[in-house]
Amino acid sequence: MAERLRAEMVQRQLRDRGVADARVLDAIGRLPRELFVPAEHRAASYSDEALPIGGGQTISQPYMVARMTELIEPAAGKRVLEIGTGSGYQAALLATLGCVVLSVERQPDLAETARRRIEALGLAARVTLAVGDGSAGWPSQAPFDGIVVTAGAPAIPPALPDQLGIGGRLVVPVGRRELQELVLVVRRESGFERVDCGPCVFVPLVGEGGYRAGHVL
């Protein structure tokens, strides 16, 4: 049943909407999303929506995960920083694609649950998880080939573009709390290129490079 629902999701929600990277589609088609969803919402694992995972956080809509992943052009061996581990699904997808993933989560309980899920799938060797404020990036581990921010920020977090290597790609939702624009930033030899990639809605990014803790609602 899960395999059929996953295949339908890939076709109807991803491929039919323009997600074209065959490797991303294949990886999502193999990754059991239901393992990243709390039991009370598991029946909706392959629905076209974000789902709550506790702590005021969500596992993103499948299309948005696929689109963000496609935009950073993942490949085996690329080093990717994820800001906001959440359920662990995005990190697991990047690891399935062969990326070396460093992921930062503010909430220890979410980080621990994500770690167990990633270990159970045999992906732990490619994923390093840390607890803390990821909104300022991870300067000591820079440069990165890709940075994925899984929460909405009021502006591009200022520390992040400089943590990209040349050719590196940052994807971040930017805008109001109620509605953001998915923004791609590419680091070139000559500077930074910005591309707006369409509207989206994410939970707020909290921390130094986002909203202040206690002031996100």
N, C-alpha and C. Protein backbone atom coordinates (compact mmCIF):
# COMPACT_ATOMS: atom_id res chain seq x y z
N MET A 1 0.82 -1.21 0.00
CA MET A 1 0.00 0.00 0.00
C MET A 1 0.86 1.26 0.00
N ALA A 2 1.86 1.32 0.91
CA ALA A 2 2.71 2.50 0.98
C ALA A 2 3.47 2.71 -0.31
N GLU A 3 3.93 1.62 -0.92
CA GLU A 3 4.67 1.75 -2.18
C GLU A 3 3.79 2.33 -3.28
N ARG A 4 2.55 1.89 -3.33
CA ARG A 4 1.62 2.43 -4.34
C ARG A 4 1.33 3.91 -4.11
N LEU A 5 1.08 4.27 -2.85
CA LEU A 5 0.82 5.67 -2.53
C LEU A 5 2.03 6.54 -2.83
N ARG A 6 3.21 6.00 -2.58
CA ARG A 6 4.44 6.75 -2.85
C ARG A 6 4.60 6.97 -4.35
N ALA A 7 4.33 5.94 -5.13
CA ALA A 7 4.44 6.07 -6.59
C ALA A 7 3.43 7.09 -7.13
N GLU A 8 2.22 7.06 -6.59
CA GLU A 8 1.20 8.02 -7.02
C GLU A 8 1.60 9.44 -6.64
N MET A 9 2.18 9.60 -5.44
CA MET A 9 2.64 10.91 -5.01
C MET A 9 3.71 11.45 -5.96
N VAL A 10 4.67 10.61 -6.29
CA VAL A 10 5.75 11.04 -7.18
C VAL A 10 5.19 11.49 -8.52
N GLN A 11 4.23 10.74 -9.05
CA GLN A 11 3.68 11.09 -10.36
C GLN A 11 2.80 12.34 -10.29
N ARG A 12 1.83 12.33 -9.41
CA ARG A 12 0.81 13.39 -9.42
C ARG A 12 1.26 14.68 -8.76
N GLN A 13 2.00 14.56 -7.65
CA GLN A 13 2.38 15.75 -6.91
C GLN A 13 3.71 16.34 -7.35
N LEU A 14 4.57 15.50 -7.92
CA LEU A 14 5.92 15.97 -8.25
C LEU A 14 6.13 16.07 -9.75
N ARG A 15 6.13 14.93 -10.43
CA ARG A 15 6.43 14.94 -11.87
C ARG A 15 5.40 15.78 -12.64
N ASP A 16 4.12 15.62 -12.34
CA ASP A 16 3.09 16.36 -13.06
C ASP A 16 3.15 17.86 -12.79
N ARG A 17 3.81 18.26 -11.71
CA ARG A 17 3.95 19.69 -11.38
C ARG A 17 5.28 20.27 -11.84
N GLY A 18 6.07 19.46 -12.51
CA GLY A 18 7.28 20.03 -13.09
C GLY A 18 8.59 19.65 -12.44
N VAL A 19 8.56 18.86 -11.37
CA VAL A 19 9.83 18.38 -10.82
C VAL A 19 10.42 17.40 -11.82
N ALA A 20 11.61 17.69 -12.32
CA ALA A 20 12.13 16.95 -13.47
C ALA A 20 13.40 16.18 -13.18
N ASP A 21 14.07 16.43 -12.06
CA ASP A 21 15.33 15.74 -11.77
C ASP A 21 15.04 14.26 -11.49
N ALA A 22 15.48 13.41 -12.38
CA ALA A 22 15.15 11.98 -12.27
C ALA A 22 15.71 11.36 -11.00
N ARG A 23 16.88 11.82 -10.57
CA ARG A 23 17.49 11.26 -9.36
C ARG A 23 16.68 11.65 -8.13
N VAL A 24 16.19 12.87 -8.08
CA VAL A 24 15.37 13.31 -6.96
C VAL A 24 14.06 12.52 -6.93
N LEU A 25 13.43 12.37 -8.08
CA LEU A 25 12.18 11.60 -8.14
C LEU A 25 12.39 10.16 -7.71
N ASP A 26 13.48 9.56 -8.16
CA ASP A 26 13.76 8.18 -7.79
C ASP A 26 13.99 8.04 -6.29
N ALA A 27 14.77 8.96 -5.71
CA ALA A 27 15.07 8.89 -4.29
C ALA A 27 13.81 9.06 -3.45
N ILE A 28 12.96 10.01 -3.82
CA ILE A 28 11.71 10.19 -3.08
C ILE A 28 10.81 8.97 -3.24
N GLY A 29 10.87 8.35 -4.40
CA GLY A 29 10.09 7.15 -4.62
C GLY A 29 10.55 5.95 -3.81
N ARG A 30 11.77 6.01 -3.31
CA ARG A 30 12.31 4.90 -2.51
C ARG A 30 12.29 5.18 -1.01
N LEU A 31 12.15 6.43 -0.62
CA LEU A 31 12.25 6.79 0.80
C LEU A 31 10.88 6.71 1.47
N PRO A 32 10.73 5.89 2.52
CA PRO A 32 9.42 5.70 3.16
C PRO A 32 9.03 6.90 4.03
N ARG A 33 8.31 7.82 3.43
CA ARG A 33 7.91 9.05 4.13
C ARG A 33 7.11 8.75 5.39
N GLU A 34 6.36 7.66 5.38
CA GLU A 34 5.52 7.35 6.54
C GLU A 34 6.33 7.14 7.82
N LEU A 35 7.61 6.80 7.69
CA LEU A 35 8.45 6.61 8.87
C LEU A 35 8.80 7.93 9.55
N PHE A 36 8.56 9.05 8.87
CA PHE A 36 8.92 10.36 9.40
C PHE A 36 7.71 11.13 9.91
N VAL A 37 6.56 10.48 9.91
CA VAL A 37 5.31 11.12 10.30
C VAL A 37 4.82 10.51 11.60
N PRO A 38 4.41 11.31 12.60
CA PRO A 38 3.88 10.76 13.84
C PRO A 38 2.69 9.82 13.58
N ALA A 39 2.53 8.85 14.45
CA ALA A 39 1.53 7.79 14.24
C ALA A 39 0.13 8.35 13.99
N GLU A 40 -0.22 9.45 14.67
CA GLU A 40 -1.58 9.97 14.55
C GLU A 40 -1.84 10.62 13.18
N HIS A 41 -0.80 10.88 12.43
CA HIS A 41 -0.96 11.48 11.10
C HIS A 41 -0.47 10.57 9.97
N ARG A 42 -0.12 9.33 10.31
CA ARG A 42 0.53 8.46 9.33
C ARG A 42 -0.36 8.16 8.12
N ALA A 43 -1.65 8.12 8.32
CA ALA A 43 -2.54 7.85 7.18
C ALA A 43 -2.46 8.92 6.11
N ALA A 44 -1.97 10.11 6.49
CA ALA A 44 -1.85 11.22 5.54
C ALA A 44 -0.42 11.40 5.05
N SER A 45 0.43 10.40 5.23
CA SER A 45 1.85 10.55 4.90
C SER A 45 2.09 11.00 3.47
N TYR A 46 1.25 10.55 2.54
CA TYR A 46 1.48 10.87 1.12
C TYR A 46 0.47 11.88 0.58
N SER A 47 -0.17 12.60 1.51
CA SER A 47 -1.09 13.66 1.10
C SER A 47 -0.31 14.89 0.65
N ASP A 48 -0.98 15.75 -0.08
CA ASP A 48 -0.36 16.94 -0.66
C ASP A 48 -0.40 18.10 0.33
N GLU A 49 0.29 17.92 1.46
CA GLU A 49 0.25 18.94 2.51
C GLU A 49 1.38 18.71 3.50
N ALA A 50 1.70 19.78 4.23
CA ALA A 50 2.61 19.66 5.37
C ALA A 50 1.84 19.03 6.53
N LEU A 51 2.55 18.30 7.39
CA LEU A 51 1.92 17.62 8.52
C LEU A 51 2.66 17.97 9.81
N PRO A 52 1.93 18.11 10.92
CA PRO A 52 2.59 18.43 12.19
C PRO A 52 3.43 17.27 12.70
N ILE A 53 4.58 17.62 13.30
CA ILE A 53 5.47 16.60 13.87
C ILE A 53 5.75 16.86 15.34
N GLY A 54 5.08 17.85 15.94
CA GLY A 54 5.32 18.21 17.32
C GLY A 54 6.24 19.42 17.44
N GLY A 55 6.20 20.05 18.59
CA GLY A 55 7.06 21.19 18.84
C GLY A 55 6.77 22.39 17.96
N GLY A 56 5.55 22.45 17.42
CA GLY A 56 5.19 23.55 16.54
C GLY A 56 5.81 23.46 15.16
N GLN A 57 6.36 22.30 14.80
CA GLN A 57 7.06 22.13 13.52
C GLN A 57 6.26 21.19 12.61
N THR A 58 6.67 21.14 11.35
CA THR A 58 5.99 20.29 10.37
C THR A 58 6.99 19.54 9.51
N ILE A 59 6.53 18.46 8.90
CA ILE A 59 7.23 17.85 7.78
C ILE A 59 6.62 18.49 6.54
N SER A 60 7.47 19.04 5.69
CA SER A 60 6.99 19.86 4.59
C SER A 60 6.21 19.05 3.57
N GLN A 61 5.37 19.74 2.83
CA GLN A 61 4.64 19.18 1.70
C GLN A 61 5.62 18.46 0.76
N PRO A 62 5.29 17.27 0.26
CA PRO A 62 6.22 16.54 -0.61
C PRO A 62 6.74 17.37 -1.79
N TYR A 63 5.86 18.12 -2.43
CA TYR A 63 6.30 18.94 -3.57
C TYR A 63 7.39 19.91 -3.15
N MET A 64 7.23 20.55 -1.99
CA MET A 64 8.20 21.56 -1.57
C MET A 64 9.54 20.91 -1.24
N VAL A 65 9.52 19.74 -0.62
CA VAL A 65 10.77 19.02 -0.36
C VAL A 65 11.48 18.70 -1.68
N ALA A 66 10.72 18.20 -2.63
CA ALA A 66 11.30 17.84 -3.93
C ALA A 66 11.85 19.07 -4.65
N ARG A 67 11.09 20.16 -4.63
CA ARG A 67 11.50 21.37 -5.33
C ARG A 67 12.77 21.96 -4.72
N MET A 68 12.84 22.04 -3.41
CA MET A 68 14.02 22.57 -2.75
C MET A 68 15.24 21.69 -3.01
N THR A 69 15.01 20.39 -2.99
CA THR A 69 16.11 19.46 -3.24
C THR A 69 16.61 19.61 -4.67
N GLU A 70 15.71 19.69 -5.62
CA GLU A 70 16.09 19.86 -7.01
C GLU A 70 16.88 21.15 -7.23
N LEU A 71 16.48 22.22 -6.55
CA LEU A 71 17.12 23.52 -6.76
C LEU A 71 18.58 23.55 -6.32
N ILE A 72 18.95 22.74 -5.33
CA ILE A 72 20.36 22.76 -4.91
C ILE A 72 21.23 21.82 -5.74
N GLU A 73 20.62 21.13 -6.69
CA GLU A 73 21.34 20.23 -7.61
C GLU A 73 22.20 19.22 -6.83
N PRO A 74 21.56 18.34 -6.07
CA PRO A 74 22.30 17.39 -5.23
C PRO A 74 23.05 16.37 -6.07
N ALA A 75 24.17 15.92 -5.54
CA ALA A 75 24.96 14.88 -6.19
C ALA A 75 25.81 14.19 -5.14
N ALA A 76 26.21 12.98 -5.43
CA ALA A 76 27.03 12.21 -4.49
C ALA A 76 28.29 12.97 -4.12
N GLY A 77 28.55 13.06 -2.82
CA GLY A 77 29.74 13.72 -2.32
C GLY A 77 29.57 15.19 -2.04
N LYS A 78 28.51 15.83 -2.52
CA LYS A 78 28.30 17.24 -2.23
C LYS A 78 28.00 17.42 -0.74
N ARG A 79 28.56 18.50 -0.18
CA ARG A 79 28.34 18.81 1.24
C ARG A 79 27.19 19.80 1.35
N VAL A 80 26.15 19.38 2.08
CA VAL A 80 24.94 20.20 2.19
C VAL A 80 24.63 20.48 3.66
N LEU A 81 24.41 21.75 3.96
CA LEU A 81 23.96 22.16 5.28
C LEU A 81 22.45 22.29 5.26
N GLU A 82 21.79 21.62 6.20
CA GLU A 82 20.35 21.77 6.37
C GLU A 82 20.09 22.51 7.67
N ILE A 83 19.29 23.56 7.60
CA ILE A 83 18.94 24.33 8.79
C ILE A 83 17.50 24.01 9.14
N GLY A 84 17.33 23.26 10.22
CA GLY A 84 16.01 22.79 10.64
C GLY A 84 15.82 21.33 10.29
N THR A 85 16.33 20.44 11.12
CA THR A 85 16.24 19.00 10.84
C THR A 85 14.80 18.52 10.83
N GLY A 86 14.01 19.02 11.79
CA GLY A 86 12.61 18.61 11.88
C GLY A 86 12.46 17.11 12.01
N SER A 87 11.69 16.52 11.11
CA SER A 87 11.44 15.08 11.15
C SER A 87 12.65 14.25 10.73
N GLY A 88 13.57 14.87 10.00
CA GLY A 88 14.72 14.15 9.44
C GLY A 88 14.52 13.74 8.00
N TYR A 89 13.34 14.01 7.42
CA TYR A 89 13.03 13.53 6.07
C TYR A 89 13.92 14.19 5.01
N GLN A 90 14.09 15.50 5.09
CA GLN A 90 14.93 16.19 4.10
C GLN A 90 16.38 15.70 4.18
N ALA A 91 16.90 15.55 5.39
CA ALA A 91 18.27 15.06 5.56
C ALA A 91 18.40 13.64 5.00
N ALA A 92 17.41 12.80 5.28
CA ALA A 92 17.45 11.43 4.77
C ALA A 92 17.40 11.39 3.25
N LEU A 93 16.59 12.28 2.66
CA LEU A 93 16.52 12.34 1.20
C LEU A 93 17.87 12.75 0.61
N LEU A 94 18.50 13.76 1.16
CA LEU A 94 19.80 14.19 0.67
C LEU A 94 20.84 13.09 0.82
N ALA A 95 20.79 12.38 1.94
CA ALA A 95 21.72 11.28 2.15
C ALA A 95 21.46 10.15 1.16
N THR A 96 20.19 9.88 0.87
CA THR A 96 19.85 8.86 -0.13
C THR A 96 20.44 9.22 -1.49
N LEU A 97 20.53 10.51 -1.77
CA LEU A 97 21.11 10.99 -3.02
C LEU A 97 22.64 11.02 -2.98
N GLY A 98 23.23 10.61 -1.86
CA GLY A 98 24.68 10.53 -1.75
C GLY A 98 25.36 11.75 -1.20
N CYS A 99 24.57 12.75 -0.80
CA CYS A 99 25.16 13.96 -0.24
C CYS A 99 25.72 13.70 1.17
N VAL A 100 26.69 14.50 1.56
CA VAL A 100 27.19 14.54 2.93
C VAL A 100 26.43 15.65 3.62
N VAL A 101 25.60 15.30 4.61
CA VAL A 101 24.64 16.24 5.18
C VAL A 101 25.04 16.64 6.59
N LEU A 102 25.05 17.93 6.84
CA LEU A 102 25.19 18.47 8.19
C LEU A 102 23.89 19.19 8.50
N SER A 103 23.21 18.79 9.55
CA SER A 103 21.87 19.30 9.83
C SER A 103 21.80 19.81 11.26
N VAL A 104 21.18 20.98 11.43
CA VAL A 104 21.09 21.62 12.74
C VAL A 104 19.62 21.81 13.11
N GLU A 105 19.26 21.40 14.32
CA GLU A 105 17.89 21.50 14.81
C GLU A 105 17.90 22.19 16.19
N ARG A 106 17.00 23.12 16.39
CA ARG A 106 16.93 23.83 17.68
C ARG A 106 16.39 22.97 18.81
N GLN A 107 15.44 22.07 18.49
CA GLN A 107 14.74 21.32 19.53
C GLN A 107 15.37 19.94 19.73
N PRO A 108 15.93 19.68 20.91
CA PRO A 108 16.63 18.41 21.13
C PRO A 108 15.76 17.18 20.90
N ASP A 109 14.49 17.23 21.29
CA ASP A 109 13.62 16.06 21.12
C ASP A 109 13.44 15.72 19.65
N LEU A 110 13.23 16.74 18.81
CA LEU A 110 13.10 16.49 17.37
C LEU A 110 14.39 15.94 16.80
N ALA A 111 15.51 16.50 17.23
CA ALA A 111 16.81 16.05 16.72
C ALA A 111 17.05 14.58 17.05
N GLU A 112 16.71 14.18 18.26
CA GLU A 112 16.92 12.79 18.68
C GLU A 112 16.03 11.84 17.91
N THR A 113 14.76 12.22 17.72
CA THR A 113 13.85 11.37 16.95
C THR A 113 14.34 11.24 15.50
N ALA A 114 14.78 12.34 14.92
CA ALA A 114 15.31 12.31 13.56
C ALA A 114 16.54 11.42 13.48
N ARG A 115 17.40 11.52 14.47
CA ARG A 115 18.61 10.70 14.47
C ARG A 115 18.27 9.21 14.46
N ARG A 116 17.29 8.81 15.25
CA ARG A 116 16.90 7.40 15.30
C ARG A 116 16.33 6.94 13.96
N ARG A 117 15.53 7.78 13.33
CA ARG A 117 14.96 7.42 12.03
C ARG A 117 16.05 7.25 10.98
N ILE A 118 16.98 8.17 10.95
CA ILE A 118 18.05 8.12 9.96
C ILE A 118 18.95 6.90 10.20
N GLU A 119 19.22 6.59 11.45
CA GLU A 119 20.00 5.39 11.76
C GLU A 119 19.27 4.13 11.32
N ALA A 120 17.96 4.08 11.55
CA ALA A 120 17.18 2.89 11.19
C ALA A 120 17.19 2.63 9.69
N LEU A 121 17.36 3.68 8.91
CA LEU A 121 17.41 3.54 7.45
C LEU A 121 18.82 3.30 6.93
N GLY A 122 19.80 3.23 7.83
CA GLY A 122 21.17 2.97 7.41
C GLY A 122 21.86 4.15 6.75
N LEU A 123 21.41 5.36 7.08
CA LEU A 123 21.93 6.56 6.43
C LEU A 123 22.82 7.40 7.34
N ALA A 124 23.05 6.93 8.56
CA ALA A 124 23.74 7.76 9.56
C ALA A 124 25.16 8.12 9.15
N ALA A 125 25.81 7.30 8.35
CA ALA A 125 27.20 7.59 7.97
C ALA A 125 27.32 8.85 7.14
N ARG A 126 26.22 9.26 6.51
CA ARG A 126 26.27 10.45 5.66
C ARG A 126 25.58 11.66 6.29
N VAL A 127 25.12 11.53 7.54
CA VAL A 127 24.38 12.63 8.18
C VAL A 127 24.99 12.94 9.55
N THR A 128 25.36 14.20 9.75
CA THR A 128 25.81 14.68 11.05
C THR A 128 24.75 15.62 11.59
N LEU A 129 24.21 15.31 12.76
CA LEU A 129 23.17 16.12 13.38
C LEU A 129 23.74 16.90 14.55
N ALA A 130 23.29 18.14 14.70
CA ALA A 130 23.69 18.96 15.83
C ALA A 130 22.47 19.69 16.36
N VAL A 131 22.50 20.02 17.65
CA VAL A 131 21.43 20.79 18.28
C VAL A 131 21.93 22.20 18.52
N GLY A 132 21.16 23.19 18.06
CA GLY A 132 21.57 24.57 18.25
C GLY A 132 20.83 25.49 17.31
N ASP A 133 21.30 26.74 17.24
CA ASP A 133 20.72 27.74 16.36
C ASP A 133 21.42 27.65 15.01
N GLY A 134 20.73 27.05 14.05
CA GLY A 134 21.32 26.90 12.73
C GLY A 134 21.14 28.11 11.85
N SER A 135 20.41 29.12 12.31
CA SER A 135 20.09 30.26 11.44
C SER A 135 21.32 31.06 11.06
N ALA A 136 22.40 30.91 11.82
CA ALA A 136 23.66 31.56 11.47
C ALA A 136 24.58 30.63 10.68
N GLY A 137 24.06 29.48 10.30
CA GLY A 137 24.85 28.51 9.55
C GLY A 137 25.75 27.70 10.45
N TRP A 138 26.84 27.22 9.88
CA TRP A 138 27.82 26.41 10.61
C TRP A 138 29.19 26.83 10.08
N PRO A 139 29.67 28.01 10.49
CA PRO A 139 30.87 28.59 9.89
C PRO A 139 32.09 27.69 9.93
N SER A 140 32.26 26.93 11.01
CA SER A 140 33.47 26.11 11.13
C SER A 140 33.49 24.96 10.13
N GLN A 141 32.33 24.63 9.55
CA GLN A 141 32.26 23.54 8.58
C GLN A 141 32.16 24.03 7.13
N ALA A 142 32.07 25.34 6.95
CA ALA A 142 31.97 25.92 5.61
C ALA A 142 33.30 25.77 4.88
N PRO A 143 33.28 25.80 3.53
CA PRO A 143 32.15 26.12 2.66
C PRO A 143 31.30 24.89 2.33
N PHE A 144 30.06 25.17 1.92
CA PHE A 144 29.11 24.13 1.54
C PHE A 144 28.78 24.23 0.06
N ASP A 145 28.45 23.08 -0.51
CA ASP A 145 27.96 23.06 -1.89
C ASP A 145 26.49 23.44 -1.97
N GLY A 146 25.78 23.22 -0.88
CA GLY A 146 24.36 23.57 -0.83
C GLY A 146 23.94 23.87 0.59
N ILE A 147 22.97 24.76 0.73
CA ILE A 147 22.35 25.05 2.02
C ILE A 147 20.84 25.05 1.82
N VAL A 148 20.13 24.30 2.64
CA VAL A 148 18.67 24.23 2.58
C VAL A 148 18.12 24.72 3.91
N VAL A 149 17.29 25.75 3.87
CA VAL A 149 16.67 26.29 5.07
C VAL A 149 15.20 25.86 5.05
N THR A 150 14.80 25.10 6.05
CA THR A 150 13.46 24.51 6.04
C THR A 150 12.47 25.28 6.90
N ALA A 151 12.68 26.59 7.03
CA ALA A 151 11.76 27.47 7.75
C ALA A 151 11.83 28.85 7.11
N GLY A 152 10.75 29.63 7.28
CA GLY A 152 10.67 30.93 6.63
C GLY A 152 11.39 32.01 7.41
N ALA A 153 12.18 32.82 6.72
CA ALA A 153 12.94 33.90 7.33
C ALA A 153 12.42 35.25 6.84
N PRO A 154 12.54 36.32 7.66
CA PRO A 154 12.10 37.64 7.21
C PRO A 154 12.96 38.20 6.08
N ALA A 155 14.20 37.72 5.98
CA ALA A 155 15.12 38.11 4.91
C ALA A 155 16.12 36.97 4.77
N ILE A 156 16.92 36.99 3.73
CA ILE A 156 17.96 35.97 3.60
C ILE A 156 18.89 36.09 4.80
N PRO A 157 19.04 35.04 5.61
CA PRO A 157 19.93 35.12 6.77
C PRO A 157 21.32 35.58 6.34
N PRO A 158 21.84 36.68 6.89
CA PRO A 158 23.03 37.32 6.35
C PRO A 158 24.29 36.47 6.36
N ALA A 159 24.38 35.52 7.29
CA ALA A 159 25.60 34.73 7.38
C ALA A 159 25.68 33.62 6.33
N LEU A 160 24.56 33.27 5.73
CA LEU A 160 24.53 32.05 4.92
C LEU A 160 25.20 32.16 3.55
N PRO A 161 24.95 33.19 2.75
CA PRO A 161 25.58 33.21 1.42
C PRO A 161 27.09 33.06 1.45
N ASP A 162 27.74 33.69 2.44
CA ASP A 162 29.20 33.61 2.51
C ASP A 162 29.70 32.22 2.90
N GLN A 163 28.81 31.35 3.36
CA GLN A 163 29.22 29.99 3.70
C GLN A 163 29.10 29.03 2.52
N LEU A 164 28.70 29.55 1.37
CA LEU A 164 28.67 28.76 0.14
C LEU A 164 30.05 28.77 -0.52
N GLY A 165 30.43 27.65 -1.11
CA GLY A 165 31.58 27.64 -1.99
C GLY A 165 31.18 28.23 -3.34
N ILE A 166 32.16 28.50 -4.20
CA ILE A 166 31.85 28.99 -5.53
C ILE A 166 31.02 27.94 -6.27
N GLY A 167 29.90 28.38 -6.81
CA GLY A 167 28.96 27.46 -7.44
C GLY A 167 27.95 26.89 -6.48
N GLY A 168 28.11 27.18 -5.18
CA GLY A 168 27.19 26.67 -4.18
C GLY A 168 25.82 27.31 -4.28
N ARG A 169 24.79 26.60 -3.79
CA ARG A 169 23.40 27.02 -3.96
C ARG A 169 22.68 26.99 -2.62
N LEU A 170 22.05 28.10 -2.29
CA LEU A 170 21.26 28.26 -1.07
C LEU A 170 19.79 28.37 -1.44
N VAL A 171 18.94 27.61 -0.76
CA VAL A 171 17.49 27.70 -0.96
C VAL A 171 16.86 28.07 0.38
N VAL A 172 16.08 29.16 0.39
CA VAL A 172 15.49 29.64 1.64
C VAL A 172 14.17 30.32 1.37
N PRO A 173 13.13 30.03 2.18
CA PRO A 173 11.86 30.78 2.08
C PRO A 173 12.03 32.14 2.76
N VAL A 174 11.65 33.21 2.07
CA VAL A 174 11.84 34.57 2.56
C VAL A 174 10.55 35.36 2.44
N GLY A 175 10.18 36.07 3.52
CA GLY A 175 9.00 36.92 3.43
C GLY A 175 8.26 37.03 4.75
N ARG A 176 6.96 37.28 4.66
CA ARG A 176 6.13 37.41 5.85
C ARG A 176 5.89 36.05 6.49
N ARG A 177 5.43 36.06 7.72
CA ARG A 177 5.14 34.80 8.40
C ARG A 177 4.05 34.02 7.67
N GLU A 178 3.09 34.74 7.06
CA GLU A 178 1.95 34.08 6.44
C GLU A 178 2.27 33.57 5.04
N LEU A 179 3.25 34.15 4.37
CA LEU A 179 3.55 33.79 2.98
C LEU A 179 4.97 34.19 2.65
N GLN A 180 5.71 33.27 2.05
CA GLN A 180 7.09 33.56 1.66
C GLN A 180 7.30 33.29 0.17
N GLU A 181 8.45 33.74 -0.29
CA GLU A 181 8.93 33.43 -1.63
C GLU A 181 10.10 32.46 -1.48
N LEU A 182 10.08 31.37 -2.24
CA LEU A 182 11.20 30.45 -2.22
C LEU A 182 12.33 31.07 -3.04
N VAL A 183 13.46 31.33 -2.40
CA VAL A 183 14.55 32.06 -3.02
C VAL A 183 15.76 31.14 -3.20
N LEU A 184 16.33 31.19 -4.38
CA LEU A 184 17.59 30.49 -4.68
C LEU A 184 18.69 31.53 -4.79
N VAL A 185 19.78 31.31 -4.06
CA VAL A 185 20.96 32.15 -4.16
C VAL A 185 22.12 31.28 -4.64
N VAL A 186 22.77 31.69 -5.71
CA VAL A 186 23.91 30.95 -6.26
C VAL A 186 25.16 31.82 -6.12
N ARG A 187 26.21 31.26 -5.57
CA ARG A 187 27.46 32.01 -5.43
C ARG A 187 28.29 31.85 -6.70
N ARG A 188 28.60 32.97 -7.34
CA ARG A 188 29.43 32.99 -8.53
C ARG A 188 30.78 33.61 -8.20
N GLU A 189 31.74 33.46 -9.09
CA GLU A 189 33.03 34.12 -8.91
C GLU A 189 32.86 35.62 -8.74
N SER A 190 31.87 36.18 -9.43
CA SER A 190 31.66 37.62 -9.45
C SER A 190 30.72 38.12 -8.36
N GLY A 191 30.12 37.23 -7.60
CA GLY A 191 29.18 37.64 -6.57
C GLY A 191 28.04 36.65 -6.43
N PHE A 192 26.88 37.14 -6.01
CA PHE A 192 25.73 36.29 -5.74
C PHE A 192 24.60 36.58 -6.71
N GLU A 193 23.99 35.52 -7.17
CA GLU A 193 22.83 35.61 -8.07
C GLU A 193 21.59 35.15 -7.32
N ARG A 194 20.52 35.93 -7.37
CA ARG A 194 19.27 35.57 -6.70
C ARG A 194 18.20 35.26 -7.74
N VAL A 195 17.46 34.16 -7.49
CA VAL A 195 16.35 33.79 -8.35
C VAL A 195 15.14 33.51 -7.46
N ASP A 196 14.02 34.17 -7.72
CA ASP A 196 12.79 33.90 -6.99
C ASP A 196 12.06 32.73 -7.65
N CYS A 197 11.65 31.75 -6.85
CA CYS A 197 11.16 30.48 -7.39
C CYS A 197 9.72 30.16 -7.04
N GLY A 198 8.97 31.15 -6.58
CA GLY A 198 7.56 30.92 -6.34
C GLY A 198 7.16 30.98 -4.89
N PRO A 199 5.87 31.14 -4.62
CA PRO A 199 5.37 31.29 -3.25
C PRO A 199 5.40 29.99 -2.47
N CYS A 200 5.49 30.13 -1.16
CA CYS A 200 5.49 28.97 -0.27
C CYS A 200 5.10 29.44 1.13
N VAL A 201 4.81 28.49 2.00
CA VAL A 201 4.48 28.79 3.39
C VAL A 201 5.22 27.81 4.29
N PHE A 202 6.06 28.34 5.18
CA PHE A 202 6.81 27.53 6.12
C PHE A 202 6.63 28.07 7.53
N VAL A 203 6.91 27.25 8.52
CA VAL A 203 6.96 27.72 9.90
C VAL A 203 8.12 28.72 10.01
N PRO A 204 8.10 29.62 11.01
CA PRO A 204 9.13 30.65 11.11
C PRO A 204 10.50 30.09 11.50
N LEU A 205 11.53 30.66 10.91
CA LEU A 205 12.91 30.38 11.30
C LEU A 205 13.23 31.21 12.54
N VAL A 206 13.61 30.54 13.61
CA VAL A 206 13.90 31.22 14.87
C VAL A 206 15.40 31.23 15.11
N GLY A 207 15.92 32.39 15.50
CA GLY A 207 17.33 32.46 15.84
C GLY A 207 17.99 33.73 15.33
N GLU A 208 19.29 33.76 15.42
CA GLU A 208 20.06 34.95 15.08
C GLU A 208 19.79 35.42 13.65
N GLY A 209 19.64 34.49 12.73
CA GLY A 209 19.42 34.85 11.33
C GLY A 209 17.97 34.83 10.91
N GLY A 210 17.06 34.67 11.88
CA GLY A 210 15.63 34.62 11.57
C GLY A 210 14.84 35.50 12.50
N TYR A 211 13.75 34.97 13.05
CA TYR A 211 12.98 35.69 14.04
C TYR A 211 13.55 35.40 15.43
N ARG A 212 13.41 36.35 16.33
CA ARG A 212 13.88 36.12 17.69
C ARG A 212 12.97 35.14 18.42
N ALA A 213 13.57 34.31 19.25
CA ALA A 213 12.79 33.37 20.06
C ALA A 213 11.78 34.13 20.90
N GLY A 214 10.55 33.65 20.92
CA GLY A 214 9.50 34.32 21.68
C GLY A 214 8.77 35.38 20.90
N HIS A 215 9.19 35.67 19.67
CA HIS A 215 8.57 36.72 18.85
C HIS A 215 8.26 36.21 17.45
N VAL A 216 7.78 34.98 17.36
CA VAL A 216 7.58 34.39 16.05
C VAL A 216 6.11 34.28 15.65
N LEU A 217 5.21 34.63 16.51
CA LEU A 217 3.79 34.47 16.19
C LEU A 217 3.15 35.82 15.90
